[in-house]
């Protein structure tokens, strides 16, 4: 049986599935950025009733599928950290897996903290009426289809971005080495 954490969008090309904390942070930042980019930002406007705006933003996030997309964040992080701990203490693999399983459940329950902070961002960028209109769109047939397809498009676009970044990185490395050799820098 395959773990739900072994999803293609978490793979890092030919590299180990254990990412460094820096690359994991970058991945989370990209995910958050992509989620926020689903709706075009407008000039910041403060809603008259901040609580109503935050509630409307949460409804929008639910309708847009944003809350669901965060469901995999903690399990993926715990999966990667489990692998790191097992590498350090392979004789204690069973205990490490059991301990992390409990931690994953407890930390996943805290997803609401993240969602409130992101809802505040939406509430700052959109009026209450705009939030409601966007929610209405995402609850429509085409909006639901958009959300459904994002579950396919986002992981694939992230993989494309990773491959593109790796290719550009290799090209920059090669060009830089060539340029430095021309300038007499041994490398």
N, C-alpha and C. Protein backbone atom coordinates (compact mmCIF):
# COMPACT_ATOMS: atom_id res chain seq x y z
N UNK A 1 0.86 -1.19 0.00
CA UNK A 1 0.00 0.00 0.00
C UNK A 1 0.89 1.23 0.00
N UNK A 2 0.58 2.20 -0.79
CA UNK A 2 1.39 3.40 -0.91
C UNK A 2 0.90 4.45 0.08
N UNK A 3 1.84 5.12 0.71
CA UNK A 3 1.50 6.19 1.64
C UNK A 3 0.95 7.37 0.87
N UNK A 4 0.03 8.09 1.47
CA UNK A 4 -0.52 9.27 0.78
C UNK A 4 0.54 10.35 0.64
N UNK A 5 1.67 10.18 1.31
CA UNK A 5 2.74 11.18 1.20
C UNK A 5 3.61 10.93 -0.02
N UNK A 6 3.53 9.78 -0.60
CA UNK A 6 4.36 9.45 -1.75
C UNK A 6 3.70 9.92 -3.03
N UNK A 7 3.39 11.19 -3.10
CA UNK A 7 2.73 11.74 -4.27
C UNK A 7 3.76 12.33 -5.21
N UNK A 8 3.48 12.33 -6.51
CA UNK A 8 4.46 12.79 -7.49
C UNK A 8 4.91 14.22 -7.27
N UNK A 9 4.02 15.09 -6.78
CA UNK A 9 4.40 16.49 -6.66
C UNK A 9 5.39 16.74 -5.53
N UNK A 10 5.65 15.74 -4.72
CA UNK A 10 6.63 15.92 -3.65
C UNK A 10 8.01 15.43 -4.07
N UNK A 11 8.09 14.77 -5.22
CA UNK A 11 9.37 14.26 -5.68
C UNK A 11 10.22 15.42 -6.17
N UNK A 12 11.50 15.27 -6.02
CA UNK A 12 12.42 16.33 -6.40
C UNK A 12 13.36 15.83 -7.50
N UNK A 13 12.79 15.40 -8.60
CA UNK A 13 13.60 14.91 -9.70
C UNK A 13 14.32 13.64 -9.28
N UNK A 14 15.63 13.61 -9.53
CA UNK A 14 16.42 12.45 -9.17
C UNK A 14 16.99 12.57 -7.78
N UNK A 15 16.70 13.66 -7.11
CA UNK A 15 17.23 13.86 -5.76
C UNK A 15 16.43 13.05 -4.76
N UNK A 16 16.99 12.92 -3.59
CA UNK A 16 16.31 12.24 -2.49
C UNK A 16 15.03 12.97 -2.15
N UNK A 17 13.98 12.25 -1.69
CA UNK A 17 12.74 12.92 -1.31
C UNK A 17 12.90 13.74 -0.05
N UNK A 18 14.05 13.66 0.60
CA UNK A 18 14.29 14.44 1.81
C UNK A 18 14.89 15.76 1.40
N UNK A 19 14.10 16.80 1.46
CA UNK A 19 14.56 18.13 1.07
C UNK A 19 15.17 18.83 2.26
N UNK A 20 16.01 19.78 1.97
CA UNK A 20 16.60 20.57 3.06
C UNK A 20 15.54 21.52 3.59
N UNK A 21 15.70 21.99 4.85
CA UNK A 21 14.73 22.95 5.38
C UNK A 21 14.60 24.17 4.48
N UNK A 22 15.69 24.58 3.83
CA UNK A 22 15.63 25.75 2.96
C UNK A 22 14.76 25.47 1.74
N UNK A 23 14.93 24.29 1.12
CA UNK A 23 14.12 23.99 -0.05
C UNK A 23 12.67 23.76 0.34
N UNK A 24 12.42 23.20 1.53
CA UNK A 24 11.05 23.01 1.99
C UNK A 24 10.39 24.37 2.21
N UNK A 25 11.12 25.31 2.80
CA UNK A 25 10.57 26.65 3.00
C UNK A 25 10.25 27.30 1.66
N UNK A 26 11.13 27.11 0.70
CA UNK A 26 10.89 27.66 -0.63
C UNK A 26 9.66 27.03 -1.25
N UNK A 27 9.50 25.73 -1.09
CA UNK A 27 8.32 25.04 -1.62
C UNK A 27 7.05 25.59 -1.00
N UNK A 28 7.06 25.77 0.33
CA UNK A 28 5.88 26.32 1.00
C UNK A 28 5.59 27.73 0.53
N UNK A 29 6.64 28.52 0.33
CA UNK A 29 6.44 29.89 -0.15
C UNK A 29 5.83 29.88 -1.55
N UNK A 30 6.30 28.97 -2.40
CA UNK A 30 5.75 28.87 -3.76
C UNK A 30 4.28 28.47 -3.71
N UNK A 31 3.96 27.47 -2.85
CA UNK A 31 2.56 27.03 -2.73
C UNK A 31 1.69 28.19 -2.27
N UNK A 32 2.14 28.90 -1.23
CA UNK A 32 1.35 30.03 -0.73
C UNK A 32 1.19 31.09 -1.81
N UNK A 33 2.27 31.37 -2.53
CA UNK A 33 2.20 32.37 -3.59
C UNK A 33 1.24 31.96 -4.70
N UNK A 34 1.28 30.69 -5.08
CA UNK A 34 0.36 30.22 -6.13
C UNK A 34 -1.08 30.29 -5.67
N UNK A 35 -1.32 29.96 -4.41
CA UNK A 35 -2.68 30.03 -3.90
C UNK A 35 -3.19 31.46 -3.88
N UNK A 36 -2.33 32.37 -3.47
CA UNK A 36 -2.75 33.77 -3.42
C UNK A 36 -2.92 34.35 -4.82
N UNK A 37 -2.18 33.79 -5.79
CA UNK A 37 -2.26 34.30 -7.15
C UNK A 37 -3.48 33.79 -7.91
N UNK A 38 -4.26 32.89 -7.31
CA UNK A 38 -5.44 32.36 -8.00
C UNK A 38 -6.44 33.46 -8.32
N UNK A 39 -6.47 34.49 -7.52
CA UNK A 39 -7.36 35.61 -7.78
C UNK A 39 -6.49 36.85 -7.93
N UNK A 40 -6.73 37.66 -8.94
CA UNK A 40 -5.90 38.83 -9.18
C UNK A 40 -6.03 39.84 -8.05
N UNK A 41 -4.90 40.31 -7.49
CA UNK A 41 -4.98 41.27 -6.39
C UNK A 41 -5.44 42.64 -6.88
N UNK A 42 -6.15 43.33 -6.02
CA UNK A 42 -6.56 44.69 -6.30
C UNK A 42 -5.97 45.59 -5.23
N UNK A 43 -6.15 46.88 -5.36
CA UNK A 43 -5.62 47.81 -4.36
C UNK A 43 -6.17 47.45 -2.99
N UNK A 44 -5.30 47.50 -1.99
CA UNK A 44 -5.71 47.14 -0.63
C UNK A 44 -6.85 48.03 -0.16
N UNK A 45 -7.92 47.38 0.32
CA UNK A 45 -9.07 48.11 0.83
C UNK A 45 -9.50 47.42 2.11
N UNK A 46 -9.66 48.16 3.16
CA UNK A 46 -10.07 47.57 4.43
C UNK A 46 -11.59 47.51 4.47
N UNK A 47 -12.10 46.30 4.71
CA UNK A 47 -13.54 46.12 4.81
C UNK A 47 -14.04 46.78 6.09
N UNK A 48 -15.27 47.32 6.05
CA UNK A 48 -15.80 47.99 7.24
C UNK A 48 -15.87 47.06 8.45
N UNK A 49 -16.20 45.83 8.23
CA UNK A 49 -16.30 44.88 9.32
C UNK A 49 -15.23 43.81 9.11
N UNK A 50 -14.13 43.94 9.82
CA UNK A 50 -12.99 43.04 9.62
C UNK A 50 -13.37 41.58 9.87
N UNK A 51 -14.16 41.30 10.89
CA UNK A 51 -14.57 39.92 11.17
C UNK A 51 -15.39 39.34 10.02
N UNK A 52 -16.30 40.15 9.47
CA UNK A 52 -17.11 39.68 8.34
C UNK A 52 -16.22 39.43 7.13
N UNK A 53 -15.24 40.29 6.92
CA UNK A 53 -14.33 40.14 5.78
C UNK A 53 -13.49 38.87 5.94
N UNK A 54 -13.00 38.62 7.14
CA UNK A 54 -12.19 37.43 7.37
C UNK A 54 -13.05 36.17 7.19
N UNK A 55 -14.28 36.22 7.68
CA UNK A 55 -15.20 35.08 7.50
C UNK A 55 -15.48 34.86 6.01
N UNK A 56 -15.70 35.95 5.28
CA UNK A 56 -15.94 35.84 3.84
C UNK A 56 -14.70 35.31 3.13
N UNK A 57 -13.52 35.73 3.59
CA UNK A 57 -12.28 35.25 2.99
C UNK A 57 -12.11 33.75 3.23
N UNK A 58 -12.47 33.29 4.42
CA UNK A 58 -12.41 31.85 4.72
C UNK A 58 -13.36 31.07 3.80
N UNK A 59 -14.55 31.63 3.58
CA UNK A 59 -15.51 30.99 2.66
C UNK A 59 -14.92 30.92 1.25
N UNK A 60 -14.28 32.01 0.84
CA UNK A 60 -13.64 32.04 -0.48
C UNK A 60 -12.55 30.97 -0.56
N UNK A 61 -11.72 30.90 0.47
CA UNK A 61 -10.64 29.92 0.47
C UNK A 61 -11.18 28.50 0.39
N UNK A 62 -12.28 28.24 1.11
CA UNK A 62 -12.90 26.91 1.04
C UNK A 62 -13.42 26.65 -0.38
N UNK A 63 -14.15 27.62 -0.93
CA UNK A 63 -14.73 27.46 -2.27
C UNK A 63 -13.64 27.30 -3.33
N UNK A 64 -12.53 28.03 -3.16
CA UNK A 64 -11.44 28.00 -4.14
C UNK A 64 -10.53 26.79 -3.96
N UNK A 65 -10.78 25.98 -2.94
CA UNK A 65 -9.96 24.79 -2.72
C UNK A 65 -8.65 25.06 -2.01
N UNK A 66 -8.45 26.29 -1.57
CA UNK A 66 -7.18 26.65 -0.93
C UNK A 66 -6.99 25.91 0.39
N UNK A 67 -8.05 25.74 1.15
CA UNK A 67 -7.90 25.07 2.45
C UNK A 67 -7.52 23.61 2.25
N UNK A 68 -8.07 22.98 1.24
CA UNK A 68 -7.75 21.58 0.96
C UNK A 68 -6.30 21.41 0.56
N UNK A 69 -5.76 22.39 -0.14
CA UNK A 69 -4.38 22.29 -0.62
C UNK A 69 -3.38 22.31 0.53
N UNK A 70 -3.78 22.83 1.67
CA UNK A 70 -2.87 22.84 2.82
C UNK A 70 -2.92 21.54 3.60
N UNK A 71 -3.86 20.65 3.28
CA UNK A 71 -3.98 19.39 4.00
C UNK A 71 -2.72 18.54 3.90
N UNK A 72 -2.00 18.64 2.81
CA UNK A 72 -0.81 17.82 2.62
C UNK A 72 0.46 18.43 3.19
N UNK A 73 0.42 19.69 3.63
CA UNK A 73 1.64 20.37 4.06
C UNK A 73 2.27 19.69 5.28
N UNK A 74 1.51 19.53 6.36
CA UNK A 74 2.09 18.94 7.57
C UNK A 74 2.48 17.48 7.35
N UNK A 75 1.63 16.65 6.74
CA UNK A 75 2.07 15.26 6.50
C UNK A 75 3.34 15.18 5.65
N UNK A 76 3.47 16.04 4.64
CA UNK A 76 4.67 16.02 3.81
C UNK A 76 5.89 16.44 4.63
N UNK A 77 5.73 17.47 5.43
CA UNK A 77 6.84 17.92 6.27
C UNK A 77 7.24 16.83 7.26
N UNK A 78 6.27 16.22 7.91
CA UNK A 78 6.54 15.15 8.87
C UNK A 78 7.20 13.96 8.17
N UNK A 79 6.74 13.63 6.97
CA UNK A 79 7.33 12.54 6.20
C UNK A 79 8.81 12.80 5.95
N UNK A 80 9.13 14.01 5.53
CA UNK A 80 10.52 14.35 5.25
C UNK A 80 11.35 14.34 6.54
N UNK A 81 10.79 14.87 7.60
CA UNK A 81 11.53 14.90 8.87
C UNK A 81 11.71 13.49 9.43
N UNK A 82 10.72 12.64 9.22
CA UNK A 82 10.84 11.24 9.66
C UNK A 82 12.04 10.59 8.98
N UNK A 83 12.16 10.80 7.68
CA UNK A 83 13.29 10.22 6.94
C UNK A 83 14.62 10.73 7.47
N UNK A 84 14.68 12.01 7.81
CA UNK A 84 15.92 12.58 8.34
C UNK A 84 16.26 11.94 9.68
N UNK A 85 15.28 11.81 10.56
CA UNK A 85 15.52 11.22 11.88
C UNK A 85 15.93 9.74 11.74
N UNK A 86 15.30 9.03 10.81
CA UNK A 86 15.64 7.62 10.61
C UNK A 86 17.05 7.48 10.06
N UNK A 87 17.46 8.41 9.21
CA UNK A 87 18.84 8.41 8.72
C UNK A 87 19.81 8.55 9.88
N UNK A 88 19.46 9.39 10.85
CA UNK A 88 20.33 9.64 11.98
C UNK A 88 20.32 8.49 12.99
N UNK A 89 19.16 7.82 13.13
CA UNK A 89 19.00 6.75 14.11
C UNK A 89 18.26 5.56 13.49
N UNK A 90 18.87 4.87 12.54
CA UNK A 90 18.17 3.79 11.83
C UNK A 90 17.72 2.65 12.74
N UNK A 91 18.38 2.43 13.83
CA UNK A 91 18.02 1.34 14.75
C UNK A 91 16.69 1.63 15.45
N UNK A 92 16.23 2.87 15.43
CA UNK A 92 15.00 3.27 16.13
C UNK A 92 13.89 3.66 15.16
N UNK A 93 13.93 3.09 13.96
CA UNK A 93 12.98 3.47 12.91
C UNK A 93 11.52 3.33 13.37
N UNK A 94 11.17 2.21 13.98
CA UNK A 94 9.78 1.98 14.39
C UNK A 94 9.33 3.04 15.40
N UNK A 95 10.15 3.32 16.38
CA UNK A 95 9.81 4.31 17.40
C UNK A 95 9.69 5.70 16.78
N UNK A 96 10.59 6.02 15.88
CA UNK A 96 10.56 7.33 15.21
C UNK A 96 9.26 7.47 14.40
N UNK A 97 8.91 6.44 13.66
CA UNK A 97 7.68 6.49 12.84
C UNK A 97 6.45 6.65 13.73
N UNK A 98 6.40 5.91 14.84
CA UNK A 98 5.26 6.02 15.75
C UNK A 98 5.16 7.41 16.36
N UNK A 99 6.30 7.96 16.79
CA UNK A 99 6.30 9.29 17.40
C UNK A 99 5.85 10.35 16.40
N UNK A 100 6.38 10.28 15.17
CA UNK A 100 6.01 11.26 14.17
C UNK A 100 4.55 11.12 13.74
N UNK A 101 4.00 9.92 13.77
CA UNK A 101 2.59 9.74 13.41
C UNK A 101 1.70 10.54 14.35
N UNK A 102 1.97 10.49 15.64
CA UNK A 102 1.20 11.26 16.61
C UNK A 102 1.38 12.75 16.44
N UNK A 103 2.61 13.14 16.17
CA UNK A 103 2.90 14.57 15.97
C UNK A 103 2.19 15.08 14.73
N UNK A 104 2.16 14.28 13.67
CA UNK A 104 1.50 14.70 12.42
C UNK A 104 0.04 15.02 12.67
N UNK A 105 -0.64 14.18 13.44
CA UNK A 105 -2.05 14.41 13.73
C UNK A 105 -2.22 15.71 14.52
N UNK A 106 -1.42 15.89 15.55
CA UNK A 106 -1.54 17.10 16.39
C UNK A 106 -1.24 18.37 15.59
N UNK A 107 -0.22 18.34 14.77
CA UNK A 107 0.15 19.53 14.00
C UNK A 107 -0.86 19.82 12.89
N UNK A 108 -1.43 18.78 12.29
CA UNK A 108 -2.44 18.98 11.25
C UNK A 108 -3.67 19.69 11.80
N UNK A 109 -3.96 19.42 13.06
CA UNK A 109 -5.11 20.08 13.70
C UNK A 109 -4.89 21.59 13.82
N UNK A 110 -3.66 22.03 13.69
CA UNK A 110 -3.35 23.46 13.81
C UNK A 110 -3.40 24.20 12.47
N UNK A 111 -3.85 23.53 11.43
CA UNK A 111 -3.94 24.16 10.10
C UNK A 111 -4.77 25.44 10.16
N UNK A 112 -5.76 25.48 11.06
CA UNK A 112 -6.62 26.64 11.18
C UNK A 112 -5.85 27.93 11.45
N UNK A 113 -4.74 27.82 12.19
CA UNK A 113 -3.92 29.00 12.48
C UNK A 113 -3.42 29.63 11.18
N UNK A 114 -2.93 28.80 10.28
CA UNK A 114 -2.42 29.27 9.00
C UNK A 114 -3.54 29.87 8.15
N UNK A 115 -4.69 29.20 8.15
CA UNK A 115 -5.81 29.65 7.32
C UNK A 115 -6.34 31.00 7.77
N UNK A 116 -6.36 31.26 9.07
CA UNK A 116 -6.81 32.56 9.57
C UNK A 116 -5.86 33.66 9.09
N UNK A 117 -4.56 33.41 9.16
CA UNK A 117 -3.60 34.42 8.71
C UNK A 117 -3.73 34.70 7.21
N UNK A 118 -3.92 33.65 6.43
CA UNK A 118 -4.09 33.84 4.99
C UNK A 118 -5.42 34.52 4.69
N UNK A 119 -6.46 34.18 5.43
CA UNK A 119 -7.76 34.84 5.25
C UNK A 119 -7.63 36.34 5.51
N UNK A 120 -6.82 36.72 6.47
CA UNK A 120 -6.60 38.14 6.75
C UNK A 120 -5.98 38.84 5.54
N UNK A 121 -5.08 38.14 4.85
CA UNK A 121 -4.47 38.72 3.63
C UNK A 121 -5.53 38.97 2.57
N UNK A 122 -6.38 37.98 2.35
CA UNK A 122 -7.46 38.15 1.38
C UNK A 122 -8.37 39.32 1.79
N UNK A 123 -8.70 39.38 3.08
CA UNK A 123 -9.59 40.43 3.59
C UNK A 123 -8.97 41.81 3.41
N UNK A 124 -7.65 41.89 3.44
CA UNK A 124 -6.97 43.18 3.24
C UNK A 124 -6.94 43.58 1.77
N UNK A 125 -6.97 42.61 0.88
CA UNK A 125 -6.82 42.88 -0.54
C UNK A 125 -8.14 43.04 -1.29
N UNK A 126 -9.22 42.54 -0.72
CA UNK A 126 -10.51 42.57 -1.40
C UNK A 126 -11.58 43.16 -0.48
N UNK A 127 -12.55 43.82 -1.09
CA UNK A 127 -13.69 44.31 -0.32
C UNK A 127 -14.57 43.11 0.03
N UNK A 128 -15.48 43.31 0.95
CA UNK A 128 -16.41 42.26 1.33
C UNK A 128 -17.23 41.80 0.13
N UNK A 129 -17.69 42.75 -0.67
CA UNK A 129 -18.46 42.40 -1.87
C UNK A 129 -17.63 41.59 -2.86
N UNK A 130 -16.37 41.96 -3.04
CA UNK A 130 -15.50 41.22 -3.95
C UNK A 130 -15.26 39.80 -3.45
N UNK A 131 -15.05 39.65 -2.15
CA UNK A 131 -14.87 38.32 -1.58
C UNK A 131 -16.09 37.45 -1.84
N UNK A 132 -17.26 38.03 -1.65
CA UNK A 132 -18.51 37.28 -1.88
C UNK A 132 -18.67 36.93 -3.36
N UNK A 133 -18.31 37.86 -4.23
CA UNK A 133 -18.43 37.62 -5.67
C UNK A 133 -17.47 36.52 -6.12
N UNK A 134 -16.25 36.55 -5.60
CA UNK A 134 -15.29 35.51 -5.92
C UNK A 134 -15.77 34.14 -5.41
N UNK A 135 -16.31 34.14 -4.20
CA UNK A 135 -16.84 32.89 -3.64
C UNK A 135 -17.96 32.36 -4.52
N UNK A 136 -18.81 33.25 -4.97
CA UNK A 136 -19.91 32.87 -5.85
C UNK A 136 -19.35 32.23 -7.13
N UNK A 137 -18.30 32.83 -7.68
CA UNK A 137 -17.68 32.26 -8.88
C UNK A 137 -17.16 30.85 -8.59
N UNK A 138 -16.41 30.69 -7.50
CA UNK A 138 -15.82 29.38 -7.21
C UNK A 138 -16.88 28.33 -6.86
N UNK A 139 -18.06 28.76 -6.47
CA UNK A 139 -19.17 27.83 -6.21
C UNK A 139 -19.96 27.53 -7.49
N UNK A 140 -19.67 28.25 -8.58
CA UNK A 140 -20.35 28.00 -9.85
C UNK A 140 -19.74 26.76 -10.51
N UNK A 141 -20.37 26.30 -11.56
CA UNK A 141 -19.87 25.12 -12.27
C UNK A 141 -18.45 25.29 -12.78
N UNK A 142 -18.20 26.41 -13.48
CA UNK A 142 -16.86 26.64 -14.02
C UNK A 142 -15.85 26.89 -12.91
N UNK A 143 -16.29 27.52 -11.83
CA UNK A 143 -15.40 27.75 -10.69
C UNK A 143 -14.99 26.45 -10.02
N UNK A 144 -15.97 25.54 -9.88
CA UNK A 144 -15.67 24.22 -9.29
C UNK A 144 -14.73 23.43 -10.19
N UNK A 145 -14.94 23.56 -11.49
CA UNK A 145 -14.04 22.87 -12.43
C UNK A 145 -12.63 23.45 -12.34
N UNK A 146 -12.52 24.78 -12.20
CA UNK A 146 -11.23 25.43 -12.03
C UNK A 146 -10.51 24.86 -10.81
N UNK A 147 -11.23 24.79 -9.69
CA UNK A 147 -10.64 24.26 -8.45
C UNK A 147 -10.20 22.82 -8.64
N UNK A 148 -11.06 22.03 -9.26
CA UNK A 148 -10.74 20.61 -9.50
C UNK A 148 -9.47 20.48 -10.33
N UNK A 149 -9.36 21.27 -11.36
CA UNK A 149 -8.19 21.19 -12.25
C UNK A 149 -6.93 21.74 -11.58
N UNK A 150 -7.07 22.65 -10.64
CA UNK A 150 -5.91 23.17 -9.92
C UNK A 150 -5.19 22.06 -9.16
N UNK A 151 -5.95 21.07 -8.69
CA UNK A 151 -5.35 19.95 -7.98
C UNK A 151 -4.43 19.15 -8.89
N UNK A 152 -4.66 19.21 -10.19
CA UNK A 152 -3.81 18.55 -11.17
C UNK A 152 -2.72 19.53 -11.66
N UNK A 153 -3.13 20.76 -11.93
CA UNK A 153 -2.22 21.74 -12.54
C UNK A 153 -1.12 22.19 -11.56
N UNK A 154 -1.47 22.47 -10.31
CA UNK A 154 -0.48 22.99 -9.36
C UNK A 154 0.71 22.05 -9.17
N UNK A 155 0.51 20.78 -8.84
CA UNK A 155 1.68 19.92 -8.66
C UNK A 155 2.50 19.79 -9.94
N UNK A 156 1.81 19.70 -11.08
CA UNK A 156 2.52 19.59 -12.34
C UNK A 156 3.30 20.86 -12.66
N UNK A 157 2.68 22.02 -12.37
CA UNK A 157 3.38 23.29 -12.65
C UNK A 157 4.58 23.46 -11.72
N UNK A 158 4.45 22.98 -10.49
CA UNK A 158 5.59 23.05 -9.57
C UNK A 158 6.72 22.15 -10.07
N UNK A 159 6.39 20.97 -10.58
CA UNK A 159 7.40 20.06 -11.12
C UNK A 159 8.07 20.69 -12.34
N UNK A 160 7.27 21.32 -13.19
CA UNK A 160 7.83 22.01 -14.36
C UNK A 160 8.77 23.12 -13.91
N UNK A 161 8.33 23.88 -12.89
CA UNK A 161 9.18 24.96 -12.37
C UNK A 161 10.48 24.44 -11.78
N UNK A 162 10.42 23.31 -11.08
CA UNK A 162 11.63 22.73 -10.52
C UNK A 162 12.59 22.29 -11.63
N UNK A 163 12.05 21.63 -12.66
CA UNK A 163 12.90 21.19 -13.77
C UNK A 163 13.50 22.39 -14.49
N UNK A 164 12.69 23.41 -14.73
CA UNK A 164 13.16 24.62 -15.40
C UNK A 164 14.26 25.27 -14.57
N UNK A 165 14.02 25.41 -13.27
CA UNK A 165 15.02 26.02 -12.39
C UNK A 165 16.32 25.24 -12.37
N UNK A 166 16.24 23.92 -12.37
CA UNK A 166 17.45 23.09 -12.38
C UNK A 166 18.21 23.28 -13.70
N UNK A 167 17.46 23.32 -14.82
CA UNK A 167 18.09 23.50 -16.12
C UNK A 167 18.76 24.87 -16.21
N UNK A 168 18.07 25.90 -15.77
CA UNK A 168 18.64 27.25 -15.79
C UNK A 168 19.86 27.31 -14.87
N UNK A 169 19.76 26.66 -13.72
CA UNK A 169 20.89 26.64 -12.78
C UNK A 169 22.13 26.02 -13.40
N UNK A 170 21.94 24.91 -14.12
CA UNK A 170 23.08 24.27 -14.79
C UNK A 170 23.66 25.19 -15.87
N UNK A 171 22.78 25.87 -16.60
CA UNK A 171 23.26 26.79 -17.64
C UNK A 171 24.02 27.96 -17.04
N UNK A 172 23.50 28.52 -15.95
CA UNK A 172 24.19 29.63 -15.28
C UNK A 172 25.56 29.16 -14.79
N UNK A 173 25.60 27.97 -14.20
CA UNK A 173 26.87 27.43 -13.71
C UNK A 173 27.87 27.30 -14.85
N UNK A 174 27.43 26.70 -15.97
CA UNK A 174 28.33 26.50 -17.11
C UNK A 174 28.80 27.84 -17.68
N UNK A 175 27.86 28.79 -17.85
CA UNK A 175 28.22 30.10 -18.39
C UNK A 175 29.19 30.84 -17.45
N UNK A 176 28.93 30.75 -16.17
CA UNK A 176 29.78 31.45 -15.20
C UNK A 176 31.18 30.86 -15.19
N UNK A 177 31.28 29.54 -15.23
CA UNK A 177 32.60 28.90 -15.26
C UNK A 177 33.36 29.31 -16.52
N UNK A 178 32.65 29.32 -17.66
CA UNK A 178 33.27 29.71 -18.94
C UNK A 178 33.77 31.15 -18.86
N UNK A 179 32.92 32.04 -18.34
CA UNK A 179 33.28 33.46 -18.24
C UNK A 179 34.46 33.67 -17.29
N UNK A 180 34.43 32.99 -16.16
CA UNK A 180 35.53 33.14 -15.20
C UNK A 180 36.84 32.61 -15.75
N UNK A 181 36.79 31.50 -16.49
CA UNK A 181 38.03 30.97 -17.13
C UNK A 181 38.59 31.98 -18.11
N UNK A 182 37.69 32.62 -18.91
CA UNK A 182 38.14 33.63 -19.87
C UNK A 182 38.84 34.78 -19.14
N UNK A 183 38.43 35.06 -17.92
CA UNK A 183 39.00 36.16 -17.15
C UNK A 183 40.16 35.72 -16.27
N UNK A 184 40.59 34.46 -16.45
CA UNK A 184 41.76 34.00 -15.74
C UNK A 184 41.50 33.47 -14.33
N UNK A 185 40.27 33.23 -14.00
CA UNK A 185 39.95 32.70 -12.67
C UNK A 185 39.89 31.18 -12.78
N UNK A 186 40.77 30.49 -12.07
CA UNK A 186 40.77 29.01 -12.16
C UNK A 186 39.53 28.46 -11.41
N UNK A 187 38.79 27.68 -12.11
CA UNK A 187 37.59 27.09 -11.50
C UNK A 187 37.27 25.75 -12.11
